[in-house]
């Protein structure tokens, strides 16, 4: 993030587990979301158009929010994919 001059406003330690309710709240504030699981990338709508499928995609097998979770403006990025991050952070 530092290489792209990204200003990090909030960091949440891994010891604080974010659950489904936290994921729903994040998605409600976003207009779109990209979820990356390895090379698989899925796009979802946020806000009032958010679906249960989108929230399910945000959660790992333990039911916690997958990491990293990054909010960029009204876009939510879940998981890591270098191509997705390059497109957002240039």
C-alpha atoms as a PDB file:
ATOM      1  CA  UNK A   1       0.000   0.000   0.000  1.00  0.00           C
ATOM      2  CA  UNK A   2       2.850   2.363   0.804  1.00  0.00           C
ATOM      3  CA  UNK A   3       4.286   1.931  -2.696  1.00  0.00           C
ATOM      4  CA  UNK A   4       1.032   3.297  -4.135  1.00  0.00           C
ATOM      5  CA  UNK A   5       0.884   6.187  -1.651  1.00  0.00           C
ATOM      6  CA  UNK A   6      -2.304   4.832  -0.071  1.00  0.00           C
ATOM      7  CA  UNK A   7      -3.340   6.490   3.182  1.00  0.00           C
ATOM      8  CA  UNK A   8      -4.585   3.812   5.603  1.00  0.00           C
ATOM      9  CA  UNK A   9      -7.246   5.300   7.880  1.00  0.00           C
ATOM     10  CA  UNK A  10      -8.050   2.263  10.018  1.00  0.00           C
ATOM     11  CA  UNK A  11      -6.401  -1.074  10.662  1.00  0.00           C
ATOM     12  CA  UNK A  12      -8.238  -3.809  12.538  1.00  0.00           C
ATOM     13  CA  UNK A  13      -6.047  -6.485  14.148  1.00  0.00           C
ATOM     14  CA  UNK A  14      -6.609 -10.100  13.160  1.00  0.00           C
ATOM     15  CA  UNK A  15      -7.432 -10.922  16.777  1.00  0.00           C
ATOM     16  CA  UNK A  16     -10.700  -8.978  16.349  1.00  0.00           C
ATOM     17  CA  UNK A  17     -12.890 -11.344  14.365  1.00  0.00           C
ATOM     18  CA  UNK A  18     -15.473  -9.660  12.149  1.00  0.00           C
ATOM     19  CA  UNK A  19     -18.658 -11.685  11.742  1.00  0.00           C
ATOM     20  CA  UNK A  20     -21.563 -11.770   9.273  1.00  0.00           C
ATOM     21  CA  UNK A  21     -23.189  -8.670  10.785  1.00  0.00           C
ATOM     22  CA  UNK A  22     -19.948  -6.712  10.273  1.00  0.00           C
ATOM     23  CA  UNK A  23     -19.743  -7.927   6.669  1.00  0.00           C
ATOM     24  CA  UNK A  24     -23.355  -6.882   6.028  1.00  0.00           C
ATOM     25  CA  UNK A  25     -22.648  -3.406   7.447  1.00  0.00           C
ATOM     26  CA  UNK A  26     -19.581  -2.964   5.215  1.00  0.00           C
ATOM     27  CA  UNK A  27     -21.462  -4.099   2.121  1.00  0.00           C
ATOM     28  CA  UNK A  28     -24.413  -1.814   2.895  1.00  0.00           C
ATOM     29  CA  UNK A  29     -22.075   1.201   2.663  1.00  0.00           C
ATOM     30  CA  UNK A  30     -20.472   0.092  -0.620  1.00  0.00           C
ATOM     31  CA  UNK A  31     -21.798   0.536  -4.149  1.00  0.00           C
ATOM     32  CA  UNK A  32     -19.838  -2.441  -5.464  1.00  0.00           C
ATOM     33  CA  UNK A  33     -17.644  -5.232  -4.155  1.00  0.00           C
ATOM     34  CA  UNK A  34     -14.955  -7.457  -5.606  1.00  0.00           C
ATOM     35  CA  UNK A  35     -14.223 -10.767  -3.880  1.00  0.00           C
ATOM     36  CA  UNK A  36     -10.979 -12.557  -4.742  1.00  0.00           C
ATOM     37  CA  UNK A  37     -10.330 -16.169  -3.807  1.00  0.00           C
ATOM     38  CA  UNK A  38      -7.050 -17.133  -5.441  1.00  0.00           C
ATOM     39  CA  UNK A  39      -7.473 -16.545  -9.179  1.00  0.00           C
ATOM     40  CA  UNK A  40     -11.288 -16.542  -8.925  1.00  0.00           C
ATOM     41  CA  UNK A  41     -12.720 -13.004  -8.890  1.00  0.00           C
ATOM     42  CA  UNK A  42     -16.412 -12.209  -8.377  1.00  0.00           C
ATOM     43  CA  UNK A  43     -18.181  -8.841  -8.645  1.00  0.00           C
ATOM     44  CA  UNK A  44     -21.231  -7.952  -6.549  1.00  0.00           C
ATOM     45  CA  UNK A  45     -23.445  -4.914  -6.069  1.00  0.00           C
ATOM     46  CA  UNK A  46     -23.569  -3.302  -2.646  1.00  0.00           C
ATOM     47  CA  UNK A  47     -25.999  -1.056  -0.838  1.00  0.00           C
ATOM     48  CA  UNK A  48     -29.675  -1.953  -1.137  1.00  0.00           C
ATOM     49  CA  UNK A  49     -28.888  -4.304  -4.045  1.00  0.00           C
ATOM     50  CA  UNK A  50     -26.651  -6.514  -1.847  1.00  0.00           C
ATOM     51  CA  UNK A  51     -27.597 -10.190  -1.739  1.00  0.00           C
ATOM     52  CA  UNK A  52     -27.056 -13.009   0.746  1.00  0.00           C
ATOM     53  CA  UNK A  53     -24.788 -14.594  -1.881  1.00  0.00           C
ATOM     54  CA  UNK A  54     -22.550 -11.500  -1.754  1.00  0.00           C
ATOM     55  CA  UNK A  55     -22.328 -11.620   2.034  1.00  0.00           C
ATOM     56  CA  UNK A  56     -21.597 -15.367   1.924  1.00  0.00           C
ATOM     57  CA  UNK A  57     -18.727 -14.683  -0.507  1.00  0.00           C
ATOM     58  CA  UNK A  58     -17.203 -12.262   2.014  1.00  0.00           C
ATOM     59  CA  UNK A  59     -16.950 -14.908   4.723  1.00  0.00           C
ATOM     60  CA  UNK A  60     -14.374 -17.632   5.148  1.00  0.00           C
ATOM     61  CA  UNK A  61     -15.029 -21.201   6.262  1.00  0.00           C
ATOM     62  CA  UNK A  62     -15.002 -20.098   9.923  1.00  0.00           C
ATOM     63  CA  UNK A  63     -17.762 -17.548   9.316  1.00  0.00           C
ATOM     64  CA  UNK A  64     -15.408 -14.608   9.786  1.00  0.00           C
ATOM     65  CA  UNK A  65     -14.781 -11.830   7.275  1.00  0.00           C
ATOM     66  CA  UNK A  66     -12.032 -12.851   4.845  1.00  0.00           C
ATOM     67  CA  UNK A  67      -8.822 -10.840   4.831  1.00  0.00           C
ATOM     68  CA  UNK A  68      -7.733  -8.502   3.586  1.00  0.00           C
ATOM     69  CA  UNK A  69     -10.866  -6.367   3.473  1.00  0.00           C
ATOM     70  CA  UNK A  70     -10.225  -2.938   1.966  1.00  0.00           C
ATOM     71  CA  UNK A  71     -12.613  -0.027   1.491  1.00  0.00           C
ATOM     72  CA  UNK A  72     -11.647   2.337  -1.344  1.00  0.00           C
ATOM     73  CA  UNK A  73     -14.259   5.077  -1.656  1.00  0.00           C
ATOM     74  CA  UNK A  74     -17.518   3.197  -2.335  1.00  0.00           C
ATOM     75  CA  UNK A  75     -15.702   0.036  -3.493  1.00  0.00           C
ATOM     76  CA  UNK A  76     -15.097  -2.918  -1.197  1.00  0.00           C
ATOM     77  CA  UNK A  77     -12.269  -5.370  -1.924  1.00  0.00           C
ATOM     78  CA  UNK A  78     -12.311  -8.728  -0.142  1.00  0.00           C
ATOM     79  CA  UNK A  79      -9.366 -11.107  -0.446  1.00  0.00           C
ATOM     80  CA  UNK A  80      -6.278 -10.450  -2.525  1.00  0.00           C
ATOM     81  CA  UNK A  81      -5.734 -10.609  -6.268  1.00  0.00           C
ATOM     82  CA  UNK A  82      -2.796  -8.685  -7.711  1.00  0.00           C
ATOM     83  CA  UNK A  83      -4.640  -7.728 -10.907  1.00  0.00           C
ATOM     84  CA  UNK A  84      -7.595  -6.328  -8.958  1.00  0.00           C
ATOM     85  CA  UNK A  85      -5.349  -4.321  -6.630  1.00  0.00           C
ATOM     86  CA  UNK A  86      -3.282  -3.031  -9.562  1.00  0.00           C
ATOM     87  CA  UNK A  87      -6.471  -1.819 -11.230  1.00  0.00           C
ATOM     88  CA  UNK A  88      -7.608   0.010  -8.104  1.00  0.00           C
ATOM     89  CA  UNK A  89      -4.296   1.329  -6.811  1.00  0.00           C
ATOM     90  CA  UNK A  90      -2.486   1.704 -10.150  1.00  0.00           C
END
